[in-house]
Amino acid sequence: MSSGAGDQVVVVTHDALAAIADPPRVDEFRLQEYIETFSRIASEKFDGGLFDSTGHVCVTVGDVRKWRTSPPRVH
């Protein structure tokens, strides 16, 4: 992820990848299929200063659940 201040490491957990779509699948193809969604989630966390203990943005299954239940955003 590019933040304007350089690249940022984003960690997508195994559980988040499995929960993003049905049937659950954890592979590079699923990651590429939903990369835009993971990027949006990561950007919101970055903007909110929500980093893990290593200083990285981590997309978790909780983030995916929140994304699924939130109303779509109009830009």
Protein backbone atom coordinates (compact mmCIF):
# COMPACT_ATOMS: atom_id res chain seq x y z
CA MET A 1 0.00 0.00 0.00
CA SER A 2 1.36 3.45 -0.86
CA SER A 3 0.53 6.09 1.72
CA GLY A 4 2.14 9.09 0.09
CA ALA A 5 4.90 8.82 2.70
CA GLY A 6 6.26 5.62 1.19
CA ASP A 7 5.07 2.06 0.97
CA GLN A 8 3.35 0.47 3.95
CA VAL A 9 3.22 -3.20 4.82
CA VAL A 10 -0.32 -4.58 5.03
CA VAL A 11 -0.92 -7.97 6.60
CA VAL A 12 -4.06 -9.86 5.55
CA THR A 13 -4.72 -12.67 7.99
CA HIS A 14 -5.53 -16.21 6.90
CA ASP A 15 -8.97 -15.92 8.52
CA ALA A 16 -9.69 -12.61 6.77
CA LEU A 17 -8.84 -14.13 3.42
CA ALA A 18 -11.06 -17.14 4.12
CA ALA A 19 -13.98 -14.95 5.26
CA ILE A 20 -14.03 -12.49 2.35
CA ALA A 21 -16.13 -14.74 0.07
CA ASP A 22 -17.96 -18.03 -0.20
CA PRO A 23 -16.77 -20.70 -0.56
CA PRO A 24 -13.87 -19.94 1.77
CA ARG A 25 -10.58 -20.11 -0.06
CA VAL A 26 -7.11 -19.00 0.99
CA ASP A 27 -4.85 -18.54 -1.99
CA GLU A 28 -3.26 -15.90 -4.18
CA PHE A 29 -6.22 -15.89 -6.57
CA ARG A 30 -8.66 -14.98 -3.80
CA LEU A 31 -6.28 -12.25 -2.61
CA GLN A 32 -6.07 -10.79 -6.13
CA GLU A 33 -9.84 -11.05 -6.57
CA TYR A 34 -10.45 -8.91 -3.46
CA ILE A 35 -7.31 -6.75 -3.44
CA GLU A 36 -9.33 -3.56 -3.89
CA THR A 37 -11.51 -4.40 -0.88
CA PHE A 38 -8.51 -5.26 1.27
CA SER A 39 -6.85 -2.02 0.13
CA ARG A 40 -9.90 0.04 1.15
CA ILE A 41 -10.04 -1.63 4.55
CA ALA A 42 -6.29 -1.10 5.03
CA SER A 43 -6.50 2.55 3.96
CA GLU A 44 -9.26 3.24 6.49
CA LYS A 45 -7.22 1.60 9.23
CA PHE A 46 -4.10 3.52 8.18
CA ASP A 47 -5.97 6.82 8.15
CA GLY A 48 -7.29 6.03 11.63
CA GLY A 49 -3.82 5.16 12.91
CA LEU A 50 -4.85 1.57 13.62
CA PHE A 51 -1.57 -0.33 13.47
CA ASP A 52 -0.61 -3.66 15.03
CA SER A 53 2.18 -4.06 17.58
CA THR A 54 4.78 -4.18 14.78
CA GLY A 55 3.59 -0.90 13.28
CA HIS A 56 1.85 -2.50 10.29
CA VAL A 57 -1.76 -2.37 9.19
CA CYS A 58 -3.37 -5.76 9.74
CA VAL A 59 -6.65 -6.73 8.03
CA THR A 60 -8.42 -9.26 10.22
CA VAL A 61 -11.56 -11.36 10.02
CA GLY A 62 -13.23 -8.75 12.24
CA ASP A 63 -12.46 -6.09 9.64
CA VAL A 64 -13.98 -8.28 6.92
CA ARG A 65 -17.12 -8.85 9.01
CA LYS A 66 -17.42 -5.10 9.59
CA TRP A 67 -16.97 -4.46 5.85
CA ARG A 68 -19.69 -7.00 5.02
CA THR A 69 -22.24 -5.34 7.33
CA SER A 70 -21.42 -1.71 6.53
CA PRO A 71 -23.51 0.15 3.96
CA PRO A 72 -21.84 0.73 0.60
CA ARG A 73 -20.03 4.04 0.29
CA VAL A 74 -20.72 6.41 -2.54
CA HIS A 75 -17.68 8.37 -3.75
